[in-house]
Amino acid sequence: SGVDGLDDVFASAVSPDGKHLYAVAGGDNSISLF
C-alpha cells in the first residue's frame, strides 16, 4: 500500500506534538516519515 523504508526497522520515535512518527530501518538504510 505504498509504504516504504521499513526493511529491518530498529527504532522509531513520535514527534512531541504527536503528529509524526519516524522509523529508522537498516535494510533500507533509511528514515521513514509517517
Full PDB file with SEQRES, HELIX, SHEET, SSBOND, CRYST1, ORIGX, SCALE, CONECT and MASTER records, all heavy atoms in Angstrom:
SEQRES   1 A   34  SER GLY VAL ASP GLY LEU ASP ASP VAL PHE ALA SER ALA          
SEQRES   2 A   34  VAL SER PRO ASP GLY LYS HIS LEU TYR ALA VAL ALA GLY          
SEQRES   3 A   34  GLY ASP ASN SER ILE SER LEU PHE                              
SHEET    1 AA1 3 VAL A   9  VAL A  14  0                                        
SHEET    2 AA1 3 LEU A  21  ALA A  25 -1                                        
SHEET    3 AA1 3 SER A  30  LEU A  33 -1                                        
CRYST1    1.000    1.000    1.000  90.00  90.00  90.00 P 1           1          
ORIGX1      1.000000  0.000000  0.000000        0.00000                         
ORIGX2      0.000000  1.000000  0.000000        0.00000                         
ORIGX3      0.000000  0.000000  1.000000        0.00000                         
SCALE1      1.000000  0.000000  0.000000        0.00000                         
SCALE2      0.000000  1.000000  0.000000        0.00000                         
SCALE3      0.000000  0.000000  1.000000        0.00000                         
ATOM      1  N   SER A   1       0.816  -1.226   0.000  1.00  0.00           N  
ATOM      2  CA  SER A   1       0.000   0.000   0.000  1.00  0.00           C  
ATOM      3  C   SER A   1       0.844   1.269   0.000  1.00  0.00           C  
ATOM      4  O   SER A   1       0.524   2.245   0.672  1.00  0.00           O  
ATOM      5  CB  SER A   1      -0.950   0.003   1.203  1.00  0.00           C  
ATOM      6  OG  SER A   1      -1.821  -1.099   1.143  1.00  0.00           O  
ATOM      7  N   GLY A   2       1.958   1.249  -0.740  1.00  0.00           N  
ATOM      8  CA  GLY A   2       2.789   2.442  -0.889  1.00  0.00           C  
ATOM      9  C   GLY A   2       3.743   2.709   0.258  1.00  0.00           C  
ATOM     10  O   GLY A   2       4.488   3.679   0.232  1.00  0.00           O  
ATOM     11  N   VAL A   3       3.756   1.873   1.285  1.00  0.00           N  
ATOM     12  CA  VAL A   3       4.659   2.060   2.423  1.00  0.00           C  
ATOM     13  C   VAL A   3       6.063   1.647   2.013  1.00  0.00           C  
ATOM     14  O   VAL A   3       6.262   0.606   1.388  1.00  0.00           O  
ATOM     15  CB  VAL A   3       4.182   1.240   3.643  1.00  0.00           C  
ATOM     16  CG1 VAL A   3       5.199   1.309   4.776  1.00  0.00           C  
ATOM     17  CG2 VAL A   3       2.822   1.732   4.107  1.00  0.00           C  
ATOM     18  N   ASP A   4       7.062   2.450   2.376  1.00  0.00           N  
ATOM     19  CA  ASP A   4       8.440   2.159   2.022  1.00  0.00           C  
ATOM     20  C   ASP A   4       9.351   2.513   3.191  1.00  0.00           C  
ATOM     21  O   ASP A   4       9.041   3.385   4.002  1.00  0.00           O  
ATOM     22  CB  ASP A   4       8.845   2.967   0.782  1.00  0.00           C  
ATOM     23  CG  ASP A   4      10.102   2.446   0.129  1.00  0.00           C  
ATOM     24  OD1 ASP A   4      10.572   1.342   0.491  1.00  0.00           O  
ATOM     25  OD2 ASP A   4      10.635   3.142  -0.754  1.00  0.00           O  
ATOM     26  N   GLY A   5      10.490   1.815   3.262  1.00  0.00           N  
ATOM     27  CA  GLY A   5      11.501   2.145   4.256  1.00  0.00           C  
ATOM     28  C   GLY A   5      11.358   1.414   5.570  1.00  0.00           C  
ATOM     29  O   GLY A   5      11.851   1.883   6.591  1.00  0.00           O  
ATOM     30  N   LEU A   6      10.725   0.251   5.577  1.00  0.00           N  
ATOM     31  CA  LEU A   6      10.555  -0.495   6.834  1.00  0.00           C  
ATOM     32  C   LEU A   6      11.316  -1.814   6.854  1.00  0.00           C  
ATOM     33  O   LEU A   6      11.055  -2.656   7.709  1.00  0.00           O  
ATOM     34  CB  LEU A   6       9.065  -0.762   7.099  1.00  0.00           C  
ATOM     35  CG  LEU A   6       8.179   0.456   7.284  1.00  0.00           C  
ATOM     36  CD1 LEU A   6       6.753   0.022   7.591  1.00  0.00           C  
ATOM     37  CD2 LEU A   6       8.716   1.357   8.387  1.00  0.00           C  
ATOM     38  N   ASP A   7      12.273  -1.998   5.944  1.00  0.00           N  
ATOM     39  CA  ASP A   7      13.042  -3.234   5.928  1.00  0.00           C  
ATOM     40  C   ASP A   7      14.062  -3.211   7.061  1.00  0.00           C  
ATOM     41  O   ASP A   7      14.991  -2.426   7.061  1.00  0.00           O  
ATOM     42  CB  ASP A   7      13.739  -3.392   4.575  1.00  0.00           C  
ATOM     43  CG  ASP A   7      14.469  -4.711   4.443  1.00  0.00           C  
ATOM     44  OD1 ASP A   7      14.158  -5.654   5.206  1.00  0.00           O  
ATOM     45  OD2 ASP A   7      15.361  -4.795   3.582  1.00  0.00           O  
ATOM     46  N   ASP A   8      13.882  -4.076   8.043  1.00  0.00           N  
ATOM     47  CA  ASP A   8      14.719  -4.157   9.249  1.00  0.00           C  
ATOM     48  C   ASP A   8      14.629  -2.894  10.095  1.00  0.00           C  
ATOM     49  O   ASP A   8      15.636  -2.278  10.442  1.00  0.00           O  
ATOM     50  CB  ASP A   8      16.177  -4.455   8.906  1.00  0.00           C  
ATOM     51  CG  ASP A   8      16.376  -5.872   8.452  1.00  0.00           C  
ATOM     52  OD1 ASP A   8      15.569  -6.745   8.826  1.00  0.00           O  
ATOM     53  OD2 ASP A   8      17.354  -6.128   7.719  1.00  0.00           O  
ATOM     54  N   VAL A   9      13.427  -2.511  10.460  1.00  0.00           N  
ATOM     55  CA  VAL A   9      13.223  -1.362  11.351  1.00  0.00           C  
ATOM     56  C   VAL A   9      13.807  -1.693  12.722  1.00  0.00           C  
ATOM     57  O   VAL A   9      13.533  -2.743  13.280  1.00  0.00           O  
ATOM     58  CB  VAL A   9      11.722  -1.022  11.499  1.00  0.00           C  
ATOM     59  CG1 VAL A   9      11.508   0.009  12.591  1.00  0.00           C  
ATOM     60  CG2 VAL A   9      11.172  -0.525  10.184  1.00  0.00           C  
ATOM     61  N   PHE A  10      14.624  -0.792  13.251  1.00  0.00           N  
ATOM     62  CA  PHE A  10      15.215  -0.975  14.567  1.00  0.00           C  
ATOM     63  C   PHE A  10      14.703   0.026  15.592  1.00  0.00           C  
ATOM     64  O   PHE A  10      14.764  -0.227  16.785  1.00  0.00           O  
ATOM     65  CB  PHE A  10      16.742  -0.850  14.495  1.00  0.00           C  
ATOM     66  CG  PHE A  10      17.415  -2.102  14.065  1.00  0.00           C  
ATOM     67  CD1 PHE A  10      17.606  -2.365  12.720  1.00  0.00           C  
ATOM     68  CD2 PHE A  10      17.849  -3.029  14.984  1.00  0.00           C  
ATOM     69  CE1 PHE A  10      18.227  -3.519  12.303  1.00  0.00           C  
ATOM     70  CE2 PHE A  10      18.469  -4.194  14.587  1.00  0.00           C  
ATOM     71  CZ  PHE A  10      18.662  -4.440  13.233  1.00  0.00           C  
ATOM     72  N   ALA A  11      14.252   1.180  15.143  1.00  0.00           N  
ATOM     73  CA  ALA A  11      13.851   2.207  16.101  1.00  0.00           C  
ATOM     74  C   ALA A  11      12.798   3.112  15.479  1.00  0.00           C  
ATOM     75  O   ALA A  11      12.725   3.261  14.264  1.00  0.00           O  
ATOM     76  CB  ALA A  11      15.060   3.045  16.513  1.00  0.00           C  
ATOM     77  N   SER A  12      12.004   3.702  16.353  1.00  0.00           N  
ATOM     78  CA  SER A  12      11.025   4.688  15.907  1.00  0.00           C  
ATOM     79  C   SER A  12      10.829   5.706  17.013  1.00  0.00           C  
ATOM     80  O   SER A  12      11.131   5.443  18.177  1.00  0.00           O  
ATOM     81  CB  SER A  12       9.694   4.021  15.554  1.00  0.00           C  
ATOM     82  OG  SER A  12       9.144   3.398  16.688  1.00  0.00           O  
ATOM     83  N   ALA A  13      10.328   6.867  16.634  1.00  0.00           N  
ATOM     84  CA  ALA A  13      10.053   7.922  17.608  1.00  0.00           C  
ATOM     85  C   ALA A  13       8.879   8.751  17.106  1.00  0.00           C  
ATOM     86  O   ALA A  13       8.748   9.006  15.910  1.00  0.00           O  
ATOM     87  CB  ALA A  13      11.280   8.820  17.793  1.00  0.00           C  
ATOM     88  N   VAL A  14       8.049   9.170  18.042  1.00  0.00           N  
ATOM     89  CA  VAL A  14       6.906  10.030  17.741  1.00  0.00           C  
ATOM     90  C   VAL A  14       7.296  11.456  18.100  1.00  0.00           C  
ATOM     91  O   VAL A  14       7.901  11.704  19.147  1.00  0.00           O  
ATOM     92  CB  VAL A  14       5.654   9.590  18.536  1.00  0.00           C  
ATOM     93  CG1 VAL A  14       4.495  10.547  18.308  1.00  0.00           C  
ATOM     94  CG2 VAL A  14       5.262   8.169  18.158  1.00  0.00           C  
ATOM     95  N   SER A  15       6.942  12.394  17.240  1.00  0.00           N  
ATOM     96  CA  SER A  15       7.250  13.800  17.488  1.00  0.00           C  
ATOM     97  C   SER A  15       6.529  14.283  18.751  1.00  0.00           C  
ATOM     98  O   SER A  15       5.475  13.756  19.110  1.00  0.00           O  
ATOM     99  CB  SER A  15       6.850  14.650  16.287  1.00  0.00           C  
ATOM    100  OG  SER A  15       5.456  14.544  16.045  1.00  0.00           O  
ATOM    101  N   PRO A  16       7.082  15.292  19.429  1.00  0.00           N  
ATOM    102  CA  PRO A  16       6.479  15.793  20.670  1.00  0.00           C  
ATOM    103  C   PRO A  16       5.031  16.259  20.507  1.00  0.00           C  
ATOM    104  O   PRO A  16       4.239  16.136  21.436  1.00  0.00           O  
ATOM    105  CB  PRO A  16       7.379  16.961  21.070  1.00  0.00           C  
ATOM    106  CG  PRO A  16       8.675  16.693  20.408  1.00  0.00           C  
ATOM    107  CD  PRO A  16       8.346  15.967  19.133  1.00  0.00           C  
ATOM    108  N   ASP A  17       4.684  16.742  19.319  1.00  0.00           N  
ATOM    109  CA  ASP A  17       3.304  17.186  19.089  1.00  0.00           C  
ATOM    110  C   ASP A  17       2.378  16.031  18.717  1.00  0.00           C  
ATOM    111  O   ASP A  17       1.178  16.206  18.557  1.00  0.00           O  
ATOM    112  CB  ASP A  17       3.251  18.271  18.014  1.00  0.00           C  
ATOM    113  CG  ASP A  17       3.819  17.824  16.667  1.00  0.00           C  
ATOM    114  OD1 ASP A  17       4.076  16.610  16.479  1.00  0.00           O  
ATOM    115  OD2 ASP A  17       4.004  18.688  15.803  1.00  0.00           O  
ATOM    116  N   GLY A  18       2.947  14.826  18.553  1.00  0.00           N  
ATOM    117  CA  GLY A  18       2.159  13.640  18.248  1.00  0.00           C  
ATOM    118  C   GLY A  18       1.711  13.523  16.804  1.00  0.00           C  
ATOM    119  O   GLY A  18       0.969  12.610  16.455  1.00  0.00           O  
ATOM    120  N   LYS A  19       2.179  14.429  15.919  1.00  0.00           N  
ATOM    121  CA  LYS A  19       1.708  14.443  14.533  1.00  0.00           C  
ATOM    122  C   LYS A  19       2.470  13.527  13.600  1.00  0.00           C  
ATOM    123  O   LYS A  19       1.975  13.190  12.530  1.00  0.00           O  
ATOM    124  CB  LYS A  19       1.759  15.872  13.982  1.00  0.00           C  
ATOM    125  CG  LYS A  19       0.795  16.807  14.665  1.00  0.00           C  
ATOM    126  CD  LYS A  19       0.700  18.206  14.084  1.00  0.00           C  
ATOM    127  CE  LYS A  19       1.807  18.714  13.258  1.00  0.00           C  
ATOM    128  NZ  LYS A  19       1.658  20.117  12.846  1.00  0.00           N  
ATOM    129  N   HIS A  20       3.685  13.094  13.978  1.00  0.00           N  
ATOM    130  CA  HIS A  20       4.515  12.319  13.064  1.00  0.00           C  
ATOM    131  C   HIS A  20       5.247  11.201  13.794  1.00  0.00           C  
ATOM    132  O   HIS A  20       5.578  11.333  14.969  1.00  0.00           O  
ATOM    133  CB  HIS A  20       5.544  13.227  12.377  1.00  0.00           C  
ATOM    134  CG  HIS A  20       4.918  14.336  11.618  1.00  0.00           C  
ATOM    135  ND1 HIS A  20       4.841  15.624  12.110  1.00  0.00           N  
ATOM    136  CD2 HIS A  20       4.284  14.351  10.421  1.00  0.00           C  
ATOM    137  CE1 HIS A  20       4.201  16.383  11.229  1.00  0.00           C  
ATOM    138  NE2 HIS A  20       3.860  15.644  10.205  1.00  0.00           N  
ATOM    139  N   LEU A  21       5.517  10.124  13.048  1.00  0.00           N  
ATOM    140  CA  LEU A  21       6.346   9.035  13.540  1.00  0.00           C  
ATOM    141  C   LEU A  21       7.476   8.845  12.549  1.00  0.00           C  
ATOM    142  O   LEU A  21       7.252   8.880  11.329  1.00  0.00           O  
ATOM    143  CB  LEU A  21       5.541   7.739  13.652  1.00  0.00           C  
ATOM    144  CG  LEU A  21       6.366   6.532  14.121  1.00  0.00           C  
ATOM    145  CD1 LEU A  21       5.643   5.811  15.241  1.00  0.00           C  
ATOM    146  CD2 LEU A  21       6.665   5.584  12.985  1.00  0.00           C  
ATOM    147  N   TYR A  22       8.697   8.669  13.072  1.00  0.00           N  
ATOM    148  CA  TYR A  22       9.873   8.422  12.253  1.00  0.00           C  
ATOM    149  C   TYR A  22      10.362   7.011  12.557  1.00  0.00           C  
ATOM    150  O   TYR A  22      10.486   6.637  13.727  1.00  0.00           O  
ATOM    151  CB  TYR A  22      10.984   9.438  12.557  1.00  0.00           C  
ATOM    152  CG  TYR A  22      10.544  10.843  12.252  1.00  0.00           C  
ATOM    153  CD1 TYR A  22       9.869  11.600  13.200  1.00  0.00           C  
ATOM    154  CD2 TYR A  22      10.768  11.399  10.995  1.00  0.00           C  
ATOM    155  CE1 TYR A  22       9.428  12.884  12.916  1.00  0.00           C  
ATOM    156  CE2 TYR A  22      10.329  12.687  10.706  1.00  0.00           C  
ATOM    157  CZ  TYR A  22       9.660  13.417  11.667  1.00  0.00           C  
ATOM    158  OH  TYR A  22       9.215  14.682  11.381  1.00  0.00           O  
ATOM    159  N   ALA A  23      10.642   6.225  11.519  1.00  0.00           N  
ATOM    160  CA  ALA A  23      11.148   4.865  11.678  1.00  0.00           C  
ATOM    161  C   ALA A  23      12.495   4.764  10.981  1.00  0.00           C  
ATOM    162  O   ALA A  23      12.647   5.206   9.837  1.00  0.00           O  
ATOM    163  CB  ALA A  23      10.167   3.869  11.078  1.00  0.00           C  
ATOM    164  N   VAL A  24      13.484   4.179  11.667  1.00  0.00           N  
ATOM    165  CA  VAL A  24      14.826   4.010  11.116  1.00  0.00           C  
ATOM    166  C   VAL A  24      15.006   2.539  10.772  1.00  0.00           C  
ATOM    167  O   VAL A  24      14.805   1.671  11.619  1.00  0.00           O  
ATOM    168  CB  VAL A  24      15.896   4.455  12.130  1.00  0.00           C  
ATOM    169  CG1 VAL A  24      17.284   4.274  11.552  1.00  0.00           C  
ATOM    170  CG2 VAL A  24      15.670   5.898  12.540  1.00  0.00           C  
ATOM    171  N   ALA A  25      15.377   2.273   9.513  1.00  0.00           N  
ATOM    172  CA  ALA A  25      15.488   0.893   9.033  1.00  0.00           C  
ATOM    173  C   ALA A  25      16.867   0.630   8.449  1.00  0.00           C  
ATOM    174  O   ALA A  25      17.315   1.356   7.562  1.00  0.00           O  
ATOM    175  CB  ALA A  25      14.420   0.619   7.985  1.00  0.00           C  
ATOM    176  N   GLY A  26      17.516  -0.419   8.939  1.00  0.00           N  
ATOM    177  CA  GLY A  26      18.842  -0.795   8.454  1.00  0.00           C  
ATOM    178  C   GLY A  26      18.814  -1.425   7.079  1.00  0.00           C  
ATOM    179  O   GLY A  26      19.695  -1.186   6.264  1.00  0.00           O  
ATOM    180  N   GLY A  27      17.810  -2.246   6.794  1.00  0.00           N  
ATOM    181  CA  GLY A  27      17.730  -2.914   5.497  1.00  0.00           C  
ATOM    182  C   GLY A  27      17.540  -1.947   4.350  1.00  0.00           C  
ATOM    183  O   GLY A  27      18.024  -2.173   3.249  1.00  0.00           O  
ATOM    184  N   ASP A  28      16.834  -0.859   4.613  1.00  0.00           N  
ATOM    185  CA  ASP A  28      16.616   0.163   3.587  1.00  0.00           C  
ATOM    186  C   ASP A  28      17.590   1.331   3.713  1.00  0.00           C  
ATOM    187  O   ASP A  28      17.548   2.253   2.901  1.00  0.00           O  
ATOM    188  CB  ASP A  28      15.188   0.725   3.690  1.00  0.00           C  
ATOM    189  CG  ASP A  28      14.156  -0.210   3.106  1.00  0.00           C  
ATOM    190  OD1 ASP A  28      14.461  -0.886   2.108  1.00  0.00           O  
ATOM    191  OD2 ASP A  28      13.042  -0.266   3.643  1.00  0.00           O  
ATOM    192  N   ASN A  29      18.425   1.327   4.767  1.00  0.00           N  
ATOM    193  CA  ASN A  29      19.305   2.474   5.030  1.00  0.00           C  
ATOM    194  C   ASN A  29      18.498   3.766   4.971  1.00  0.00           C  
ATOM    195  O   ASN A  29      18.802   4.676   4.216  1.00  0.00           O  
ATOM    196  CB  ASN A  29      20.464   2.538   4.038  1.00  0.00           C  
ATOM    197  CG  ASN A  29      21.415   1.384   4.191  1.00  0.00           C  
ATOM    198  OD1 ASN A  29      21.494   0.769   5.253  1.00  0.00           O  
ATOM    199  ND2 ASN A  29      22.126   1.064   3.134  1.00  0.00           N  
ATOM    200  N   SER A  30      17.436   3.809   5.773  1.00  0.00           N  
ATOM    201  CA  SER A  30      16.512   4.924   5.605  1.00  0.00           C  
ATOM    202  C   SER A  30      15.846   5.365   6.900  1.00  0.00           C  
ATOM    203  O   SER A  30      15.868   4.670   7.912  1.00  0.00           O  
ATOM    204  CB  SER A  30      15.418   4.520   4.617  1.00  0.00           C  
ATOM    205  OG  SER A  30      14.622   3.496   5.180  1.00  0.00           O  
ATOM    206  N   ILE A  31      15.253   6.537   6.801  1.00  0.00           N  
ATOM    207  CA  ILE A  31      14.340   7.070   7.805  1.00  0.00           C  
ATOM    208  C   ILE A  31      13.018   7.276   7.081  1.00  0.00           C  
ATOM    209  O   ILE A  31      12.980   7.928   6.043  1.00  0.00           O  
ATOM    210  CB  ILE A  31      14.807   8.427   8.364  1.00  0.00           C  
ATOM    211  CG1 ILE A  31      16.206   8.335   8.935  1.00  0.00           C  
ATOM    212  CG2 ILE A  31      13.818   8.948   9.403  1.00  0.00           C  
ATOM    213  CD1 ILE A  31      16.827   9.695   9.204  1.00  0.00           C  
ATOM    214  N   SER A  32      11.961   6.714   7.614  1.00  0.00           N  
ATOM    215  CA  SER A  32      10.636   6.890   7.008  1.00  0.00           C  
ATOM    216  C   SER A  32       9.793   7.788   7.894  1.00  0.00           C  
ATOM    217  O   SER A  32       9.852   7.710   9.116  1.00  0.00           O  
ATOM    218  CB  SER A  32       9.936   5.544   6.832  1.00  0.00           C  
ATOM    219  OG  SER A  32      10.614   4.781   5.881  1.00  0.00           O  
ATOM    220  N   LEU A  33       8.994   8.615   7.243  1.00  0.00           N  
ATOM    221  CA  LEU A  33       8.103   9.541   7.928  1.00  0.00           C  
ATOM    222  C   LEU A  33       6.665   9.097   7.729  1.00  0.00           C  
ATOM    223  O   LEU A  33       6.248   8.801   6.607  1.00  0.00           O  
ATOM    224  CB  LEU A  33       8.284  10.959   7.360  1.00  0.00           C  
ATOM    225  CG  LEU A  33       7.217  12.000   7.711  1.00  0.00           C  
ATOM    226  CD1 LEU A  33       7.180  12.279   9.212  1.00  0.00           C  
ATOM    227  CD2 LEU A  33       7.460  13.278   6.921  1.00  0.00           C  
ATOM    228  N   PHE A  34       5.927   9.059   8.821  1.00  0.00           N  
ATOM    229  CA  PHE A  34       4.506   8.754   8.792  1.00  0.00           C  
ATOM    230  C   PHE A  34       3.752   9.886   9.477  1.00  0.00           C  
ATOM    231  O   PHE A  34       4.176  10.375  10.524  1.00  0.00           O  
ATOM    232  CB  PHE A  34       4.207   7.448   9.537  1.00  0.00           C  
ATOM    233  CG  PHE A  34       4.842   6.258   8.893  1.00  0.00           C  
ATOM    234  CD1 PHE A  34       6.155   5.905   9.193  1.00  0.00           C  
ATOM    235  CD2 PHE A  34       4.145   5.499   7.974  1.00  0.00           C  
ATOM    236  CE1 PHE A  34       6.752   4.820   8.592  1.00  0.00           C  
ATOM    237  CE2 PHE A  34       4.733   4.402   7.360  1.00  0.00           C  
ATOM    238  CZ  PHE A  34       6.045   4.068   7.674  1.00  0.00           C  
TER     239      PHE A  34                                                      
MASTER        0    0    0    0    3    0    0    6  238    1    0    3          
END                                                                             
